[in-house]
PDB file of N, CA and C in Angstrom:
ATOM      1  N   MET A   1     181.043 100.114  35.712  1.00  0.00           N
ATOM      2  CA  MET A   1     180.940  99.504  37.019  1.00  0.00           C
ATOM      3  C   MET A   1     181.223 100.513  38.124  1.00  0.00           C
ATOM      4  N   ALA A   2     182.145 101.410  37.906  1.00  0.00           N
ATOM      5  CA  ALA A   2     182.498 102.371  38.942  1.00  0.00           C
ATOM      6  C   ALA A   2     181.301 103.204  39.368  1.00  0.00           C
ATOM      7  N   THR A   3     180.391 103.511  38.444  1.00  0.00           N
ATOM      8  CA  THR A   3     179.229 104.295  38.814  1.00  0.00           C
ATOM      9  C   THR A   3     178.170 103.457  39.517  1.00  0.00           C
ATOM     10  N   ILE A   4     178.203 102.149  39.345  1.00  0.00           N
ATOM     11  CA  ILE A   4     177.220 101.274  39.971  1.00  0.00           C
ATOM     12  C   ILE A   4     177.581 101.019  41.433  1.00  0.00           C
ATOM     13  N   LEU A   5     178.855 100.881  41.746  1.00  0.00           N
ATOM     14  CA  LEU A   5     179.265 100.516  43.092  1.00  0.00           C
ATOM     15  C   LEU A   5     178.758 101.449  44.182  1.00  0.00           C
ATOM     16  N   PRO A   6     178.795 102.774  44.020  1.00  0.00           N
ATOM     17  CA  PRO A   6     178.244 103.615  45.083  1.00  0.00           C
ATOM     18  C   PRO A   6     176.770 103.311  45.356  1.00  0.00           C
ATOM     19  N   SER A   7     176.001 103.010  44.327  1.00  0.00           N
ATOM     20  CA  SER A   7     174.601 102.660  44.523  1.00  0.00           C
ATOM     21  C   SER A   7     174.476 101.351  45.279  1.00  0.00           C
ATOM     22  N   ILE A   8     175.249 100.356  44.899  1.00  0.00           N
ATOM     23  CA  ILE A   8     175.216  99.070  45.589  1.00  0.00           C
ATOM     24  C   ILE A   8     175.671  99.251  47.030  1.00  0.00           C
ATOM     25  N   ASP A   9     176.678 100.060  47.233  1.00  0.00           N
ATOM     26  CA  ASP A   9     177.173 100.333  48.578  1.00  0.00           C
ATOM     27  C   ASP A   9     176.049 100.883  49.453  1.00  0.00           C
ATOM     28  N   ARG A  10     175.295 101.832  48.938  1.00  0.00           N
ATOM     29  CA  ARG A  10     174.171 102.404  49.700  1.00  0.00           C
ATOM     30  C   ARG A  10     173.069 101.385  49.916  1.00  0.00           C
ATOM     31  N   ILE A  11     172.821 100.542  48.920  1.00  0.00           N
ATOM     32  CA  ILE A  11     171.789  99.510  49.062  1.00  0.00           C
ATOM     33  C   ILE A  11     172.171  98.527  50.162  1.00  0.00           C
ATOM     34  N   LEU A  12     173.449  98.260  50.312  1.00  0.00           N
ATOM     35  CA  LEU A  12     173.897  97.308  51.323  1.00  0.00           C
ATOM     36  C   LEU A  12     173.911  97.884  52.736  1.00  0.00           C
ATOM     37  N   ASP A  13     173.810  99.205  52.883  1.00  0.00           N
ATOM     38  CA  ASP A  13     173.816  99.807  54.219  1.00  0.00           C
ATOM     39  C   ASP A  13     172.737  99.227  55.134  1.00  0.00           C
ATOM     40  N   PRO A  14     171.472  99.119  54.696  1.00  0.00           N
ATOM     41  CA  PRO A  14     170.471  98.539  55.602  1.00  0.00           C
ATOM     42  C   PRO A  14     170.736  97.064  55.906  1.00  0.00           C
ATOM     43  N   VAL A  15     171.330  96.369  54.976  1.00  0.00           N
ATOM     44  CA  VAL A  15     171.690  94.969  55.229  1.00  0.00           C
ATOM     45  C   VAL A  15     172.759  94.923  56.314  1.00  0.00           C
ATOM     46  N   ALA A  16     173.764  95.756  56.180  1.00  0.00           N
ATOM     47  CA  ALA A  16     174.849  95.792  57.165  1.00  0.00           C
ATOM     48  C   ALA A  16     174.324  96.182  58.544  1.00  0.00           C
ATOM     49  N   ALA A  17     173.319  97.030  58.585  1.00  0.00           N
ATOM     50  CA  ALA A  17     172.757  97.455  59.866  1.00  0.00           C
ATOM     51  C   ALA A  17     172.090  96.293  60.606  1.00  0.00           C
ATOM     52  N   CYS A  18     171.752  95.235  59.903  1.00  0.00           N
ATOM     53  CA  CYS A  18     171.108  94.058  60.507  1.00  0.00           C
ATOM     54  C   CYS A  18     172.104  93.031  61.013  1.00  0.00           C
ATOM     55  N   LEU A  19     173.364  93.236  60.740  1.00  0.00           N
ATOM     56  CA  LEU A  19     174.359  92.221  61.076  1.00  0.00           C
ATOM     57  C   LEU A  19     174.662  92.181  62.565  1.00  0.00           C
ATOM     58  N   THR A  20     174.729  90.982  63.079  1.00  0.00           N
ATOM     59  CA  THR A  20     175.260  90.779  64.419  1.00  0.00           C
ATOM     60  C   THR A  20     176.761  90.575  64.273  1.00  0.00           C
ATOM     61  N   PRO A  21     177.511  90.708  65.343  1.00  0.00           N
ATOM     62  CA  PRO A  21     178.949  90.440  65.229  1.00  0.00           C
ATOM     63  C   PRO A  21     179.244  89.025  64.722  1.00  0.00           C
ATOM     64  N   GLU A  22     178.443  88.060  65.118  1.00  0.00           N
ATOM     65  CA  GLU A  22     178.669  86.687  64.682  1.00  0.00           C
ATOM     66  C   GLU A  22     178.458  86.544  63.177  1.00  0.00           C
ATOM     67  N   VAL A  23     177.387  87.141  62.681  1.00  0.00           N
ATOM     68  CA  VAL A  23     177.104  87.070  61.238  1.00  0.00           C
ATOM     69  C   VAL A  23     178.163  87.865  60.464  1.00  0.00           C
ATOM     70  N   ALA A  24     178.539  89.015  60.998  1.00  0.00           N
ATOM     71  CA  ALA A  24     179.577  89.816  60.340  1.00  0.00           C
ATOM     72  C   ALA A  24     180.859  89.012  60.207  1.00  0.00           C
ATOM     73  N   GLN A  25     181.234  88.280  61.247  1.00  0.00           N
ATOM     74  CA  GLN A  25     182.455  87.471  61.188  1.00  0.00           C
ATOM     75  C   GLN A  25     182.320  86.370  60.149  1.00  0.00           C
ATOM     76  N   ARG A  26     181.156  85.775  60.061  1.00  0.00           N
ATOM     77  CA  ARG A  26     180.957  84.724  59.055  1.00  0.00           C
ATOM     78  C   ARG A  26     181.072  85.291  57.645  1.00  0.00           C
ATOM     79  N   ILE A  27     180.567  86.514  57.429  1.00  0.00           N
ATOM     80  CA  ILE A  27     180.690  87.154  56.114  1.00  0.00           C
ATOM     81  C   ILE A  27     182.153  87.444  55.804  1.00  0.00           C
ATOM     82  N   VAL A  28     182.878  87.963  56.777  1.00  0.00           N
ATOM     83  CA  VAL A  28     184.304  88.237  56.587  1.00  0.00           C
ATOM     84  C   VAL A  28     185.054  86.956  56.221  1.00  0.00           C
ATOM     85  N   ASP A  29     184.631  85.840  56.791  1.00  0.00           N
ATOM     86  CA  ASP A  29     185.318  84.568  56.559  1.00  0.00           C
ATOM     87  C   ASP A  29     184.941  83.873  55.252  1.00  0.00           C
ATOM     88  N   VAL A  30     183.957  84.408  54.518  1.00  0.00           N
ATOM     89  CA  VAL A  30     183.527  83.773  53.265  1.00  0.00           C
ATOM     90  C   VAL A  30     184.691  83.749  52.281  1.00  0.00           C
ATOM     91  N   ARG A  31     184.908  82.588  51.697  1.00  0.00           N
ATOM     92  CA  ARG A  31     185.943  82.418  50.673  1.00  0.00           C
ATOM     93  C   ARG A  31     185.314  81.712  49.481  1.00  0.00           C
ATOM     94  N   VAL A  32     185.605  82.209  48.310  1.00  0.00           N
ATOM     95  CA  VAL A  32     185.168  81.534  47.091  1.00  0.00           C
ATOM     96  C   VAL A  32     186.292  80.572  46.733  1.00  0.00           C
ATOM     97  N   ASP A  33     186.059  79.316  47.047  1.00  0.00           N
ATOM     98  CA  ASP A  33     187.136  78.354  46.841  1.00  0.00           C
ATOM     99  C   ASP A  33     186.682  77.115  46.068  1.00  0.00           C
ATOM    100  N   ASP A  34     185.560  77.243  45.373  1.00  0.00           N
ATOM    101  CA  ASP A  34     185.115  76.135  44.524  1.00  0.00           C
ATOM    102  C   ASP A  34     186.126  75.974  43.396  1.00  0.00           C
ATOM    103  N   PRO A  35     186.783  74.828  43.319  1.00  0.00           N
ATOM    104  CA  PRO A  35     187.850  74.658  42.324  1.00  0.00           C
ATOM    105  C   PRO A  35     187.390  74.869  40.882  1.00  0.00           C
ATOM    106  N   LEU A  36     186.218  74.368  40.546  1.00  0.00           N
ATOM    107  CA  LEU A  36     185.741  74.533  39.164  1.00  0.00           C
ATOM    108  C   LEU A  36     185.460  75.998  38.851  1.00  0.00           C
ATOM    109  N   MET A  37     184.869  76.707  39.818  1.00  0.00           N
ATOM    110  CA  MET A  37     184.591  78.124  39.595  1.00  0.00           C
ATOM    111  C   MET A  37     185.892  78.914  39.472  1.00  0.00           C
ATOM    112  N   MET A  38     186.853  78.601  40.316  1.00  0.00           N
ATOM    113  CA  MET A  38     188.123  79.316  40.261  1.00  0.00           C
ATOM    114  C   MET A  38     188.862  79.019  38.950  1.00  0.00           C
ATOM    115  N   GLU A  39     188.787  77.795  38.498  1.00  0.00           N
ATOM    116  CA  GLU A  39     189.416  77.432  37.224  1.00  0.00           C
ATOM    117  C   GLU A  39     188.760  78.195  36.076  1.00  0.00           C
ATOM    118  N   ARG A  40     187.430  78.261  36.094  1.00  0.00           N
ATOM    119  CA  ARG A  40     186.699  78.977  35.038  1.00  0.00           C
ATOM    120  C   ARG A  40     187.046  80.467  35.078  1.00  0.00           C
ATOM    121  N   LEU A  41     187.096  81.034  36.265  1.00  0.00           N
ATOM    122  CA  LEU A  41     187.426  82.444  36.400  1.00  0.00           C
ATOM    123  C   LEU A  41     188.826  82.732  35.874  1.00  0.00           C
ATOM    124  N   GLU A  42     189.773  81.880  36.190  1.00  0.00           N
ATOM    125  CA  GLU A  42     191.140  82.065  35.701  1.00  0.00           C
ATOM    126  C   GLU A  42     191.189  81.977  34.181  1.00  0.00           C
ATOM    127  N   HIS A  43     190.437  81.034  33.614  1.00  0.00           N
ATOM    128  CA  HIS A  43     190.364  80.893  32.159  1.00  0.00           C
ATOM    129  C   HIS A  43     189.817  82.179  31.529  1.00  0.00           C
ATOM    130  N   LEU A  44     188.739  82.700  32.099  1.00  0.00           N
ATOM    131  CA  LEU A  44     188.153  83.935  31.565  1.00  0.00           C
ATOM    132  C   LEU A  44     189.100  85.117  31.749  1.00  0.00           C
ATOM    133  N   ARG A  45     189.787  85.162  32.878  1.00  0.00           N
ATOM    134  CA  ARG A  45     190.737  86.251  33.133  1.00  0.00           C
ATOM    135  C   ARG A  45     191.852  86.234  32.083  1.00  0.00           C
ATOM    136  N   GLU A  46     192.367  85.053  31.799  1.00  0.00           N
ATOM    137  CA  GLU A  46     193.425  84.935  30.789  1.00  0.00           C
ATOM    138  C   GLU A  46     192.929  85.391  29.419  1.00  0.00           C
ATOM    139  N   LYS A  47     191.723  84.965  29.058  1.00  0.00           N
ATOM    140  CA  LYS A  47     191.174  85.375  27.763  1.00  0.00           C
ATOM    141  C   LYS A  47     190.951  86.887  27.723  1.00  0.00           C
ATOM    142  N   ALA A  48     190.503  87.453  28.837  1.00  0.00           N
ATOM    143  CA  ALA A  48     190.292  88.907  28.895  1.00  0.00           C
ATOM    144  C   ALA A  48     191.621  89.627  28.717  1.00  0.00           C
ATOM    145  N   ASN A  49     192.659  89.137  29.375  1.00  0.00           N
ATOM    146  CA  ASN A  49     193.982  89.758  29.251  1.00  0.00           C
ATOM    147  C   ASN A  49     194.538  89.628  27.846  1.00  0.00           C
ATOM    148  N   ASP A  50     194.197  88.531  27.175  1.00  0.00           N
ATOM    149  CA  ASP A  50     194.649  88.318  25.797  1.00  0.00           C
ATOM    150  C   ASP A  50     193.787  89.048  24.775  1.00  0.00           C
ATOM    151  N   GLY A  51     192.640  89.559  25.219  1.00  0.00           N
ATOM    152  CA  GLY A  51     191.720  90.223  24.298  1.00  0.00           C
ATOM    153  C   GLY A  51     190.954  89.255  23.417  1.00  0.00           C
ATOM    154  N   THR A  52     190.744  88.029  23.897  1.00  0.00           N
ATOM    155  CA  THR A  52     190.085  87.020  23.070  1.00  0.00           C
ATOM    156  C   THR A  52     188.739  86.560  23.638  1.00  0.00           C
ATOM    157  N   LEU A  53     188.138  87.352  24.512  1.00  0.00           N
ATOM    158  CA  LEU A  53     186.845  86.967  25.085  1.00  0.00           C
ATOM    159  C   LEU A  53     185.727  87.106  24.061  1.00  0.00           C
ATOM    160  N   ALA A  54     184.936  86.058  23.914  1.00  0.00           N
ATOM    161  CA  ALA A  54     183.699  86.151  23.121  1.00  0.00           C
ATOM    162  C   ALA A  54     182.685  86.922  23.958  1.00  0.00           C
ATOM    163  N   GLU A  55     181.623  87.383  23.332  1.00  0.00           N
ATOM    164  CA  GLU A  55     180.624  88.193  24.036  1.00  0.00           C
ATOM    165  C   GLU A  55     180.044  87.456  25.249  1.00  0.00           C
ATOM    166  N   ALA A  56     179.660  86.203  25.083  1.00  0.00           N
ATOM    167  CA  ALA A  56     179.087  85.437  26.204  1.00  0.00           C
ATOM    168  C   ALA A  56     180.110  85.280  27.326  1.00  0.00           C
ATOM    169  N   ASP A  57     181.362  85.053  26.968  1.00  0.00           N
ATOM    170  CA  ASP A  57     182.416  84.940  27.970  1.00  0.00           C
ATOM    171  C   ASP A  57     182.628  86.271  28.690  1.00  0.00           C
ATOM    172  N   ARG A  58     182.570  87.347  27.947  1.00  0.00           N
ATOM    173  CA  ARG A  58     182.741  88.678  28.550  1.00  0.00           C
ATOM    174  C   ARG A  58     181.644  88.933  29.574  1.00  0.00           C
ATOM    175  N   GLU A  59     180.413  88.582  29.221  1.00  0.00           N
ATOM    176  CA  GLU A  59     179.293  88.780  30.151  1.00  0.00           C
ATOM    177  C   GLU A  59     179.478  87.921  31.400  1.00  0.00           C
ATOM    178  N   GLU A  60     179.909  86.687  31.211  1.00  0.00           N
ATOM    179  CA  GLU A  60     180.143  85.802  32.355  1.00  0.00           C
ATOM    180  C   GLU A  60     181.254  86.356  33.244  1.00  0.00           C
ATOM    181  N   TYR A  61     182.323  86.826  32.631  1.00  0.00           N
ATOM    182  CA  TYR A  61     183.441  87.392  33.388  1.00  0.00           C
ATOM    183  C   TYR A  61     183.004  88.638  34.148  1.00  0.00           C
ATOM    184  N   GLU A  62     182.248  89.498  33.500  1.00  0.00           N
ATOM    185  CA  GLU A  62     181.739  90.691  34.169  1.00  0.00           C
ATOM    186  C   GLU A  62     180.852  90.324  35.350  1.00  0.00           C
ATOM    187  N   ASP A  63     180.047  89.270  35.201  1.00  0.00           N
ATOM    188  CA  ASP A  63     179.210  88.803  36.311  1.00  0.00           C
ATOM    189  C   ASP A  63     180.079  88.370  37.495  1.00  0.00           C
ATOM    190  N   PHE A  64     181.144  87.630  37.219  1.00  0.00           N
ATOM    191  CA  PHE A  64     182.066  87.232  38.283  1.00  0.00           C
ATOM    192  C   PHE A  64     182.638  88.466  38.978  1.00  0.00           C
ATOM    193  N   VAL A  65     183.090  89.422  38.193  1.00  0.00           N
ATOM    194  CA  VAL A  65     183.712  90.619  38.753  1.00  0.00           C
ATOM    195  C   VAL A  65     182.705  91.402  39.595  1.00  0.00           C
ATOM    196  N   GLU A  66     181.503  91.578  39.088  1.00  0.00           N
ATOM    197  CA  GLU A  66     180.484  92.321  39.833  1.00  0.00           C
ATOM    198  C   GLU A  66     180.101  91.607  41.122  1.00  0.00           C
ATOM    199  N   ALA A  67     179.959  90.288  41.068  1.00  0.00           N
ATOM    200  CA  ALA A  67     179.632  89.527  42.277  1.00  0.00           C
ATOM    201  C   ALA A  67     180.751  89.673  43.306  1.00  0.00           C
ATOM    202  N   ASN A  68     181.985  89.625  42.850  1.00  0.00           N
ATOM    203  CA  ASN A  68     183.121  89.813  43.753  1.00  0.00           C
ATOM    204  C   ASN A  68     183.118  91.210  44.356  1.00  0.00           C
ATOM    205  N   ASP A  69     182.788  92.213  43.554  1.00  0.00           N
ATOM    206  CA  ASP A  69     182.722  93.583  44.062  1.00  0.00           C
ATOM    207  C   ASP A  69     181.667  93.716  45.156  1.00  0.00           C
ATOM    208  N   VAL A  70     180.499  93.111  44.944  1.00  0.00           N
ATOM    209  CA  VAL A  70     179.429  93.171  45.953  1.00  0.00           C
ATOM    210  C   VAL A  70     179.888  92.458  47.224  1.00  0.00           C
ATOM    211  N   LEU A  71     180.483  91.286  47.070  1.00  0.00           N
ATOM    212  CA  LEU A  71     180.971  90.557  48.237  1.00  0.00           C
ATOM    213  C   LEU A  71     182.034  91.373  48.980  1.00  0.00           C
ATOM    214  N   THR A  72     182.903  92.026  48.249  1.00  0.00           N
ATOM    215  CA  THR A  72     183.930  92.864  48.861  1.00  0.00           C
ATOM    216  C   THR A  72     183.309  94.005  49.657  1.00  0.00           C
ATOM    217  N   LEU A  73     182.303  94.659  49.087  1.00  0.00           N
ATOM    218  CA  LEU A  73     181.624  95.738  49.812  1.00  0.00           C
ATOM    219  C   LEU A  73     180.965  95.218  51.081  1.00  0.00           C
ATOM    220  N   LEU A  74     180.291  94.089  50.984  1.00  0.00           N
ATOM    221  CA  LEU A  74     179.633  93.518  52.151  1.00  0.00           C
ATOM    222  C   LEU A  74     180.658  93.123  53.210  1.00  0.00           C
ATOM    223  N   LYS A  75     181.773  92.556  52.791  1.00  0.00           N
ATOM    224  CA  LYS A  75     182.828  92.212  53.739  1.00  0.00           C
ATOM    225  C   LYS A  75     183.392  93.458  54.417  1.00  0.00           C
ATOM    226  N   ASP A  76     183.560  94.542  53.660  1.00  0.00           N
ATOM    227  CA  ASP A  76     184.050  95.796  54.242  1.00  0.00           C
ATOM    228  C   ASP A  76     183.093  96.307  55.312  1.00  0.00           C
ATOM    229  N   LYS A  77     181.801  96.223  55.025  1.00  0.00           N
ATOM    230  CA  LYS A  77     180.804  96.658  56.005  1.00  0.00           C
ATOM    231  C   LYS A  77     180.837  95.762  57.237  1.00  0.00           C
ATOM    232  N   ALA A  78     180.999  94.468  57.032  1.00  0.00           N
ATOM    233  CA  ALA A  78     181.066  93.532  58.146  1.00  0.00           C
ATOM    234  C   ALA A  78     182.311  93.803  58.994  1.00  0.00           C
ATOM    235  N   ARG A  79     183.442  94.059  58.343  1.00  0.00           N
ATOM    236  CA  ARG A  79     184.671  94.370  59.080  1.00  0.00           C
ATOM    237  C   ARG A  79     184.509  95.646  59.890  1.00  0.00           C
ATOM    238  N   SER A  80     183.862  96.644  59.308  1.00  0.00           N
ATOM    239  CA  SER A  80     183.639  97.909  60.026  1.00  0.00           C
ATOM    240  C   SER A  80     182.815  97.682  61.282  1.00  0.00           C
ATOM    241  N   LEU A  81     181.794  96.850  61.172  1.00  0.00           N
ATOM    242  CA  LEU A  81     180.962  96.534  62.324  1.00  0.00           C
ATOM    243  C   LEU A  81     181.805  95.844  63.393  1.00  0.00           C
ATOM    244  N   LEU A  82     182.662  94.916  63.007  1.00  0.00           N
ATOM    245  CA  LEU A  82     183.489  94.214  63.959  1.00  0.00           C
ATOM    246  C   LEU A  82     184.461  95.152  64.648  1.00  0.00           C
ATOM    247  N   VAL A  83     185.015  96.100  63.906  1.00  0.00           N
ATOM    248  CA  VAL A  83     185.939  97.082  64.496  1.00  0.00           C
ATOM    249  C   VAL A  83     185.200  97.968  65.497  1.00  0.00           C
ATOM    250  N   ARG A  84     184.013  98.422  65.117  1.00  0.00           N
ATOM    251  CA  ARG A  84     183.212  99.279  66.008  1.00  0.00           C
ATOM    252  C   ARG A  84     182.831  98.550  67.297  1.00  0.00           C
ATOM    253  N   ASN A  85     182.594  97.250  67.192  1.00  0.00           N
ATOM    254  CA  ASN A  85     182.187  96.470  68.364  1.00  0.00           C
ATOM    255  C   ASN A  85     183.361  95.858  69.113  1.00  0.00           C
ATOM    256  N   GLY A  86     184.574  96.233  68.668  1.00  0.00           N
ATOM    257  CA  GLY A  86     185.807  95.852  69.313  1.00  0.00           C
ATOM    258  C   GLY A  86     186.014  94.421  69.526  1.00  0.00           C
TER     259      GLY A  86
END
């Protein structure tokens, strides 16, 4: 994953360049708070920590982690835009 993030970061640059301050603020405010999704993620996290993830569960957990990483990068870009625009 560490080698993928720089590529995703660069891919998101043109997206970030399209952001208005209003849209950037909305991205910064995004919260993943679906109770069922959070419960599932916690279940997978516990299994990962215990070393008991099945292959399908591992793939699902990795998908959650990667999606969170992309959202984090996009939020960082949105925050940078907001700081630049004071």
